[in-house]
C-alpha atoms as a PDB file:
ATOM      1  CA  MET A   1     101.035 106.381 137.411  1.00  0.00           C
ATOM      2  CA  ALA A   2      98.071 107.292 139.825  1.00  0.00           C
ATOM      3  CA  LYS A   3      97.294 104.590 142.328  1.00  0.00           C
ATOM      4  CA  ARG A   4      93.607 103.553 141.687  1.00  0.00           C
ATOM      5  CA  SER A   5      91.712 103.498 145.048  1.00  0.00           C
ATOM      6  CA  VAL A   6      89.996  99.939 145.484  1.00  0.00           C
ATOM      7  CA  MET A   7      86.582  99.937 147.163  1.00  0.00           C
ATOM      8  CA  THR A   8      86.037  98.043 150.242  1.00  0.00           C
ATOM      9  CA  LYS A   9      82.722  95.611 150.069  1.00  0.00           C
ATOM     10  CA  ASP A  10      81.185  97.655 152.959  1.00  0.00           C
ATOM     11  CA  GLN A  11      81.943 100.971 150.627  1.00  0.00           C
ATOM     12  CA  LYS A  12      80.113  99.457 147.730  1.00  0.00           C
ATOM     13  CA  ASN A  13      77.562  98.252 149.427  1.00  0.00           C
ATOM     14  CA  GLU A  14      77.262 101.992 150.678  1.00  0.00           C
ATOM     15  CA  VAL A  15      76.652 102.957 147.671  1.00  0.00           C
ATOM     16  CA  ILE A  16      74.409 100.806 146.062  1.00  0.00           C
ATOM     17  CA  GLU A  17      72.563 101.372 149.268  1.00  0.00           C
ATOM     18  CA  VAL A  18      72.751 104.910 148.818  1.00  0.00           C
ATOM     19  CA  LEU A  19      71.893 104.618 144.949  1.00  0.00           C
ATOM     20  CA  LYS A  20      68.631 102.377 145.867  1.00  0.00           C
ATOM     21  CA  GLU A  21      67.351 105.318 148.114  1.00  0.00           C
ATOM     22  CA  LYS A  22      67.664 107.625 145.555  1.00  0.00           C
ATOM     23  CA  PHE A  23      66.194 105.247 142.425  1.00  0.00           C
ATOM     24  CA  SER A  24      63.420 104.587 145.271  1.00  0.00           C
ATOM     25  CA  GLN A  25      62.963 108.387 145.962  1.00  0.00           C
ATOM     26  CA  TYR A  26      62.538 109.813 142.063  1.00  0.00           C
ATOM     27  CA  SER A  27      60.297 108.742 139.358  1.00  0.00           C
ATOM     28  CA  ASN A  28      62.673 110.426 136.956  1.00  0.00           C
ATOM     29  CA  PHE A  29      66.769 109.956 136.539  1.00  0.00           C
ATOM     30  CA  TYR A  30      69.042 110.467 133.392  1.00  0.00           C
ATOM     31  CA  VAL A  31      72.258 109.038 132.787  1.00  0.00           C
ATOM     32  CA  THR A  32      74.516 110.756 131.660  1.00  0.00           C
ATOM     33  CA  ASN A  33      78.060 110.700 130.251  1.00  0.00           C
ATOM     34  CA  THR A  34      80.806 113.379 132.036  1.00  0.00           C
ATOM     35  CA  GLU A  35      84.019 111.972 130.591  1.00  0.00           C
ATOM     36  CA  ALA A  36      84.902 114.969 128.804  1.00  0.00           C
ATOM     37  CA  LEU A  37      84.506 117.252 131.099  1.00  0.00           C
ATOM     38  CA  SER A  38      87.503 119.140 133.394  1.00  0.00           C
ATOM     39  CA  VAL A  39      86.278 119.270 137.152  1.00  0.00           C
ATOM     40  CA  ALA A  40      85.962 122.834 137.002  1.00  0.00           C
ATOM     41  CA  GLN A  41      83.140 121.555 134.526  1.00  0.00           C
ATOM     42  CA  ILE A  42      82.133 118.979 136.719  1.00  0.00           C
ATOM     43  CA  GLY A  43      81.485 121.446 139.342  1.00  0.00           C
ATOM     44  CA  LYS A  44      79.650 124.132 137.555  1.00  0.00           C
ATOM     45  CA  LEU A  45      77.022 120.958 136.359  1.00  0.00           C
ATOM     46  CA  ARG A  46      76.345 120.614 140.265  1.00  0.00           C
ATOM     47  CA  ARG A  47      75.786 123.567 141.021  1.00  0.00           C
ATOM     48  CA  ALA A  48      73.606 124.230 138.148  1.00  0.00           C
ATOM     49  CA  CYS A  49      72.062 120.932 139.252  1.00  0.00           C
ATOM     50  CA  PHE A  50      72.165 121.681 143.243  1.00  0.00           C
ATOM     51  CA  ASP A  51      69.903 125.168 141.861  1.00  0.00           C
ATOM     52  CA  LYS A  52      67.478 123.328 140.295  1.00  0.00           C
ATOM     53  CA  GLN A  53      66.868 120.956 143.110  1.00  0.00           C
ATOM     54  CA  VAL A  54      68.660 118.176 140.924  1.00  0.00           C
ATOM     55  CA  GLU A  55      70.739 115.460 142.534  1.00  0.00           C
ATOM     56  CA  MET A  56      73.753 114.841 140.614  1.00  0.00           C
ATOM     57  CA  LYS A  57      75.266 110.899 141.811  1.00  0.00           C
ATOM     58  CA  VAL A  58      78.768 109.941 140.210  1.00  0.00           C
ATOM     59  CA  ALA A  59      79.148 106.563 140.592  1.00  0.00           C
ATOM     60  CA  LYS A  60      80.513 103.220 139.012  1.00  0.00           C
ATOM     61  CA  ASN A  61      78.445 101.684 136.195  1.00  0.00           C
ATOM     62  CA  THR A  62      78.701  98.305 137.605  1.00  0.00           C
ATOM     63  CA  LEU A  63      77.450  99.428 141.288  1.00  0.00           C
ATOM     64  CA  ILE A  64      74.540 101.389 139.402  1.00  0.00           C
ATOM     65  CA  ARG A  65      73.849  98.485 137.721  1.00  0.00           C
ATOM     66  CA  LYS A  66      73.435  96.148 140.884  1.00  0.00           C
ATOM     67  CA  ALA A  67      71.242  99.073 142.728  1.00  0.00           C
ATOM     68  CA  LEU A  68      68.768  98.808 139.722  1.00  0.00           C
ATOM     69  CA  GLU A  69      68.813  94.880 139.611  1.00  0.00           C
ATOM     70  CA  SER A  70      68.034  94.628 143.225  1.00  0.00           C
ATOM     71  CA  ILE A  71      65.163  97.103 142.929  1.00  0.00           C
ATOM     72  CA  ASP A  72      63.513  95.994 139.531  1.00  0.00           C
ATOM     73  CA  ALA A  73      65.276  93.767 136.988  1.00  0.00           C
ATOM     74  CA  GLN A  74      62.814  93.781 134.769  1.00  0.00           C
ATOM     75  CA  LYS A  75      61.610  97.013 134.807  1.00  0.00           C
ATOM     76  CA  TYR A  76      65.370  98.725 134.168  1.00  0.00           C
ATOM     77  CA  THR A  77      66.454  96.188 131.592  1.00  0.00           C
ATOM     78  CA  GLY A  78      66.775  99.549 128.939  1.00  0.00           C
ATOM     79  CA  ILE A  79      68.937 101.185 131.207  1.00  0.00           C
ATOM     80  CA  TYR A  80      71.619  98.618 131.982  1.00  0.00           C
ATOM     81  CA  GLU A  81      73.592  98.658 128.273  1.00  0.00           C
ATOM     82  CA  SER A  82      74.124 103.301 128.810  1.00  0.00           C
ATOM     83  CA  LEU A  83      75.842 102.239 131.803  1.00  0.00           C
ATOM     84  CA  ASN A  84      79.565 102.628 130.273  1.00  0.00           C
ATOM     85  CA  ASN A  85      82.395 105.173 130.438  1.00  0.00           C
ATOM     86  CA  VAL A  86      82.220 107.852 133.303  1.00  0.00           C
ATOM     87  CA  THR A  87      78.644 108.230 134.375  1.00  0.00           C
ATOM     88  CA  ALA A  88      76.523 110.790 136.175  1.00  0.00           C
ATOM     89  CA  LEU A  89      73.229 110.325 137.655  1.00  0.00           C
ATOM     90  CA  MET A  90      70.735 113.120 137.468  1.00  0.00           C
ATOM     91  CA  PHE A  91      67.620 112.373 139.608  1.00  0.00           C
ATOM     92  CA  SER A  92      64.641 115.005 139.651  1.00  0.00           C
ATOM     93  CA  ASP A  93      60.966 115.848 140.475  1.00  0.00           C
ATOM     94  CA  ASN A  94      60.658 117.311 137.634  1.00  0.00           C
ATOM     95  CA  PRO A  95      61.044 115.143 134.526  1.00  0.00           C
ATOM     96  CA  LYS A  96      62.508 117.819 132.181  1.00  0.00           C
ATOM     97  CA  GLU A  97      64.635 120.166 134.765  1.00  0.00           C
ATOM     98  CA  PRO A  98      67.615 117.704 134.221  1.00  0.00           C
ATOM     99  CA  ALA A  99      67.128 117.907 130.234  1.00  0.00           C
ATOM    100  CA  LEU A 100      67.318 121.297 130.577  1.00  0.00           C
ATOM    101  CA  ILE A 101      69.732 121.961 132.777  1.00  0.00           C
ATOM    102  CA  LEU A 102      71.855 119.501 129.970  1.00  0.00           C
ATOM    103  CA  THR A 103      70.999 121.924 127.288  1.00  0.00           C
ATOM    104  CA  SER A 104      71.945 124.765 129.053  1.00  0.00           C
ATOM    105  CA  PHE A 105      75.275 123.357 129.957  1.00  0.00           C
ATOM    106  CA  ARG A 106      76.192 122.686 126.525  1.00  0.00           C
ATOM    107  CA  LYS A 107      75.427 125.951 124.989  1.00  0.00           C
ATOM    108  CA  SER A 108      77.528 127.672 127.736  1.00  0.00           C
ATOM    109  CA  THR A 109      80.585 125.629 127.077  1.00  0.00           C
ATOM    110  CA  ASN A 110      79.664 125.595 123.319  1.00  0.00           C
ATOM    111  CA  GLY A 111      80.317 121.677 123.580  1.00  0.00           C
ATOM    112  CA  GLU A 112      78.231 118.165 123.255  1.00  0.00           C
ATOM    113  CA  LYS A 113      79.155 116.879 126.915  1.00  0.00           C
ATOM    114  CA  PRO A 114      77.755 115.789 128.935  1.00  0.00           C
ATOM    115  CA  GLY A 115      76.206 113.200 127.013  1.00  0.00           C
ATOM    116  CA  LEU A 116      72.749 111.710 127.647  1.00  0.00           C
ATOM    117  CA  LYS A 117      72.950 107.952 127.587  1.00  0.00           C
ATOM    118  CA  ALA A 118      69.652 107.358 129.035  1.00  0.00           C
ATOM    119  CA  ALA A 119      66.528 109.062 130.934  1.00  0.00           C
ATOM    120  CA  PHE A 120      64.285 106.959 133.126  1.00  0.00           C
ATOM    121  CA  ILE A 121      60.376 109.390 132.839  1.00  0.00           C
ATOM    122  CA  ASN A 122      57.765 108.098 135.099  1.00  0.00           C
ATOM    123  CA  GLY A 123      58.528 104.598 133.867  1.00  0.00           C
ATOM    124  CA  ASP A 124      59.541 105.136 130.466  1.00  0.00           C
ATOM    125  CA  ILE A 125      63.377 104.686 128.853  1.00  0.00           C
ATOM    126  CA  TYR A 126      64.604 107.036 126.555  1.00  0.00           C
ATOM    127  CA  THR A 127      68.313 105.932 125.395  1.00  0.00           C
ATOM    128  CA  GLY A 128      70.487 108.181 123.045  1.00  0.00           C
ATOM    129  CA  ASP A 129      71.117 111.200 122.847  1.00  0.00           C
ATOM    130  CA  ASN A 130      69.092 112.103 120.616  1.00  0.00           C
ATOM    131  CA  ASN A 131      66.183 112.139 123.057  1.00  0.00           C
ATOM    132  CA  LEU A 132      67.486 115.523 124.784  1.00  0.00           C
ATOM    133  CA  LYS A 133      65.922 117.846 123.183  1.00  0.00           C
ATOM    134  CA  ALA A 134      62.137 116.138 123.237  1.00  0.00           C
ATOM    135  CA  LEU A 135      62.550 115.548 127.117  1.00  0.00           C
ATOM    136  CA  THR A 136      63.427 119.324 127.470  1.00  0.00           C
ATOM    137  CA  GLN A 137      59.515 119.564 126.006  1.00  0.00           C
ATOM    138  CA  ILE A 138      58.574 116.869 128.306  1.00  0.00           C
ATOM    139  CA  LYS A 139      55.500 118.208 130.889  1.00  0.00           C
ATOM    140  CA  SER A 140      55.915 117.780 134.470  1.00  0.00           C
ATOM    141  CA  LYS A 141      53.104 116.282 136.053  1.00  0.00           C
ATOM    142  CA  HIS A 142      51.839 119.478 137.557  1.00  0.00           C
ATOM    143  CA  GLU A 143      51.881 121.358 134.393  1.00  0.00           C
ATOM    144  CA  LEU A 144      49.503 118.672 132.556  1.00  0.00           C
ATOM    145  CA  ILE A 145      47.106 118.250 135.700  1.00  0.00           C
ATOM    146  CA  GLY A 146      47.084 122.448 134.799  1.00  0.00           C
ATOM    147  CA  GLU A 147      46.136 121.588 131.070  1.00  0.00           C
ATOM    148  CA  VAL A 148      43.265 119.263 132.025  1.00  0.00           C
ATOM    149  CA  ILE A 149      41.923 121.754 134.892  1.00  0.00           C
ATOM    150  CA  GLY A 150      41.694 124.410 132.106  1.00  0.00           C
ATOM    151  CA  LEU A 151      40.210 122.251 130.248  1.00  0.00           C
ATOM    152  CA  LEU A 152      37.456 121.368 132.508  1.00  0.00           C
ATOM    153  CA  GLN A 153      36.979 124.369 133.243  1.00  0.00           C
ATOM    154  CA  SER A 154      36.686 125.989 129.731  1.00  0.00           C
ATOM    155  CA  PRO A 155      33.225 124.611 128.837  1.00  0.00           C
ATOM    156  CA  ALA A 156      32.056 125.235 132.330  1.00  0.00           C
ATOM    157  CA  LYS A 157      32.868 128.813 131.922  1.00  0.00           C
ATOM    158  CA  ARG A 158      30.504 128.559 128.472  1.00  0.00           C
ATOM    159  CA  VAL A 159      27.695 126.991 130.136  1.00  0.00           C
ATOM    160  CA  LEU A 160      27.644 129.486 133.212  1.00  0.00           C
ATOM    161  CA  ALA A 161      28.248 132.241 130.702  1.00  0.00           C
ATOM    162  CA  ALA A 162      25.232 130.965 128.897  1.00  0.00           C
ATOM    163  CA  LEU A 163      23.101 130.993 131.764  1.00  0.00           C
ATOM    164  CA  LEU A 164      23.935 134.116 132.974  1.00  0.00           C
ATOM    165  CA  HIS A 165      23.140 135.500 129.782  1.00  0.00           C
ATOM    166  CA  HIS A 166      20.160 133.515 129.223  1.00  0.00           C
ATOM    167  CA  HIS A 167      18.600 134.703 132.996  1.00  0.00           C
ATOM    168  CA  GLU A 168      19.774 137.984 131.849  1.00  0.00           C
ATOM    169  CA  LYS A 169      17.641 138.268 129.216  1.00  0.00           C
ATOM    170  CA  GLN A 170      14.628 136.623 131.179  1.00  0.00           C
ATOM    171  CA  ALA A 171      15.080 139.180 133.667  1.00  0.00           C
ATOM    172  CA  VAL A 172      15.120 142.405 130.723  1.00  0.00           C
ATOM    173  CA  GLY A 173      12.361 140.594 129.336  1.00  0.00           C
ATOM    174  CA  ALA A 174      10.619 140.546 132.570  1.00  0.00           C
ATOM    175  CA  VAL A 175      10.840 143.861 133.504  1.00  0.00           C
ATOM    176  CA  THR A 176       9.479 145.433 129.970  1.00  0.00           C
ATOM    177  CA  GLU A 177       6.379 143.530 130.556  1.00  0.00           C
END
């Protein structure tokens, strides 16, 4: 039987501080179950995350909970029940990038893992693996801003086109008179 390494109180506090920093830095994070993955698969998942600017951290559930509670116990209430088994956290500025990574990883391994236990997206909590598909379609802040700008520009372009057309008609009318 393998000897389990026991963390000292200082080591635990250090992990909690690192996690608190990440939870404060990112407005999006995913709680995943990586229990059935091999060491090679975990390495592949870490590389996929790194390539897409997603930070992946594996930590003990009790330390994750302590970090979240010390920031805002109420805000993260819906996350606590998902802190079980082996947990890997995925931190991202882009709300859907971790979902895309998980989906792509599953396709490449023809598997159901890693499982999505929960996601915290801009203050909203999504629990359960059944949310993964919906999260792949969530829009990032930049995509939403682009859509709003497009919607705002659309009527303005029509108004400008109408004004130009009207002005050209008047100019042509003035020339023929």
